[in-house]
Amino acid sequence: QVQLVESGGGLVQAGGSLRLSCEASGSIFSIYARGWFRQAPGKQRELVATISTSTGSTNYADSVKGRFTISRDNAKNTVYLQMNSLKPEDTAVYYCRYYSRVGDYWGQGTQVTVSS
C-alpha cells in the first residue's frame, strides 16, 4: 500500500548538481521525519541528511555539509535533496526514508554517479 518513489538520479560531472526527490504514495501514518541515505559499492549504508516534519530542523553528515540541502513539502508528501558541488566520492545509490511511529519506509534507491 505504501511506496516511496525516488527520481532525479543520474550521471553528472564533478562540480555539478543534482536534485533528488522522493514522493510517498499510499497511506502513511504519523511521519515525524524524513531522510536520505546512501550506499556506495562495498560500503555500509550511511546517513546523508534528515529533516523534521513538524519543525523543518535538519541534520547533515559532515561530508555533505555546505553542499547538500534537504527540504520537504509535507502537503505533497515529498522530500528533496539538492546536491551541489558534487564529488566522485558522492557516487552511491541514494535511498529515501520516511520515519513513522508505526514503522519506517524506504525507497528502492536511485543511482547517482559523479564522474571526475
Protein backbone atom coordinates (compact mmCIF):
# COMPACT_ATOMS: atom_id res chain seq x y z
CA GLN A 1 0.00 0.00 0.00
CA VAL A 2 2.88 2.36 0.74
CA GLN A 3 5.51 3.21 -1.82
CA LEU A 4 8.29 5.80 -1.94
CA VAL A 5 9.18 6.80 -5.48
CA GLU A 6 12.57 8.40 -5.99
CA SER A 7 13.69 10.39 -9.00
CA GLY A 8 16.43 12.74 -10.10
CA GLY A 9 19.43 10.45 -10.04
CA GLY A 10 21.82 10.12 -12.91
CA LEU A 11 25.29 10.82 -14.18
CA VAL A 12 26.90 14.18 -13.52
CA GLN A 13 30.39 15.62 -13.74
CA ALA A 14 32.31 16.64 -10.65
CA GLY A 15 31.25 20.10 -9.55
CA GLY A 16 27.79 19.68 -10.98
CA SER A 17 24.41 19.45 -9.29
CA LEU A 18 21.50 17.06 -9.00
CA ARG A 19 18.16 17.31 -7.24
CA LEU A 20 16.64 14.14 -5.87
CA SER A 21 13.00 13.82 -4.94
CA CYS A 22 11.06 11.17 -3.08
CA GLU A 23 7.28 11.15 -3.12
CA ALA A 24 5.21 8.88 -0.91
CA SER A 25 2.05 7.24 -2.15
CA GLY A 26 -0.50 5.23 -0.24
CA SER A 27 -1.39 5.56 3.42
CA ILE A 28 1.43 6.56 5.73
CA PHE A 29 0.53 7.40 9.30
CA SER A 30 2.30 9.91 11.51
CA ILE A 31 5.51 10.69 9.64
CA TYR A 32 7.73 12.62 12.04
CA ALA A 33 10.87 12.87 9.93
CA ARG A 34 12.31 12.15 6.53
CA GLY A 35 15.83 11.39 5.46
CA TRP A 36 18.26 10.44 2.77
CA PHE A 37 20.81 7.66 2.97
CA ARG A 38 23.37 6.44 0.50
CA GLN A 39 25.31 3.27 -0.10
CA ALA A 40 28.43 3.08 -2.21
CA PRO A 41 29.62 -0.23 -3.68
CA GLY A 42 31.14 -2.43 -0.99
CA LYS A 43 30.29 0.02 1.79
CA GLN A 44 27.68 0.29 4.52
CA ARG A 45 24.61 2.43 4.05
CA GLU A 46 25.19 5.82 5.65
CA LEU A 47 23.02 8.71 6.71
CA VAL A 48 23.22 11.77 4.48
CA ALA A 49 20.59 14.11 5.90
CA THR A 50 17.36 14.22 7.89
CA ILE A 51 14.59 16.75 8.29
CA SER A 52 11.84 17.05 10.88
CA THR A 53 8.30 17.02 9.56
CA SER A 54 6.98 19.49 12.12
CA THR A 55 9.84 21.96 12.56
CA GLY A 56 11.97 21.55 9.45
CA SER A 57 15.05 21.06 11.60
CA THR A 58 17.83 19.42 9.60
CA ASN A 59 20.90 17.32 10.20
CA TYR A 60 23.68 16.52 7.76
CA ALA A 61 26.61 14.20 7.53
CA ASP A 62 29.85 16.12 7.86
CA SER A 63 30.88 15.01 4.39
CA VAL A 64 27.99 16.85 2.72
CA LYS A 65 27.58 19.94 4.90
CA GLY A 66 27.61 23.11 2.85
CA ARG A 67 26.98 21.20 -0.37
CA PHE A 68 23.69 19.33 0.13
CA THR A 69 20.33 20.69 1.25
CA ILE A 70 17.38 18.61 2.38
CA SER A 71 13.88 20.05 2.21
CA ARG A 72 10.34 18.79 2.35
CA ASP A 73 6.85 19.58 1.16
CA ASN A 74 4.54 17.96 3.66
CA ALA A 75 1.41 18.64 1.61
CA LYS A 76 2.92 16.78 -1.33
CA ASN A 77 4.40 14.02 0.82
CA THR A 78 7.72 14.74 -0.82
CA VAL A 79 11.27 15.17 0.40
CA TYR A 80 14.08 16.61 -1.70
CA LEU A 81 17.84 16.52 -1.68
CA GLN A 82 19.61 19.29 -3.55
CA MET A 83 23.18 18.20 -4.20
CA ASN A 84 25.69 20.82 -5.30
CA SER A 85 29.44 20.73 -5.86
CA LEU A 86 29.27 17.00 -6.36
CA LYS A 87 32.39 14.92 -5.92
CA PRO A 88 33.25 11.45 -7.22
CA GLU A 89 33.05 10.18 -3.64
CA ASP A 90 29.35 11.10 -3.63
CA THR A 91 28.75 8.26 -6.08
CA ALA A 92 26.28 5.86 -4.48
CA VAL A 93 22.74 4.59 -4.51
CA TYR A 94 20.62 7.11 -2.63
CA TYR A 95 17.65 5.96 -0.57
CA CYS A 96 14.76 7.95 0.81
CA ARG A 97 13.49 7.11 4.29
CA TYR A 98 10.27 8.14 5.99
CA TYR A 99 10.15 7.78 9.77
CA SER A 100 6.81 6.77 11.27
CA ARG A 101 5.74 5.86 14.77
CA VAL A 102 4.35 2.60 13.38
CA GLY A 103 7.32 1.77 11.19
CA ASP A 104 9.80 3.24 8.76
CA TYR A 105 9.56 3.18 4.99
CA TRP A 106 12.31 3.05 2.38
CA GLY A 107 12.54 3.89 -1.27
CA GLN A 108 14.10 1.45 -3.70
CA GLY A 109 17.07 3.71 -4.36
CA THR A 110 18.27 5.87 -7.19
CA GLN A 111 21.78 5.78 -8.63
CA VAL A 112 23.95 8.89 -8.50
CA THR A 113 27.22 8.71 -10.39
CA VAL A 114 29.72 11.56 -10.31
CA SER A 115 32.49 11.42 -12.87
CA SER A 116 35.88 13.03 -12.43
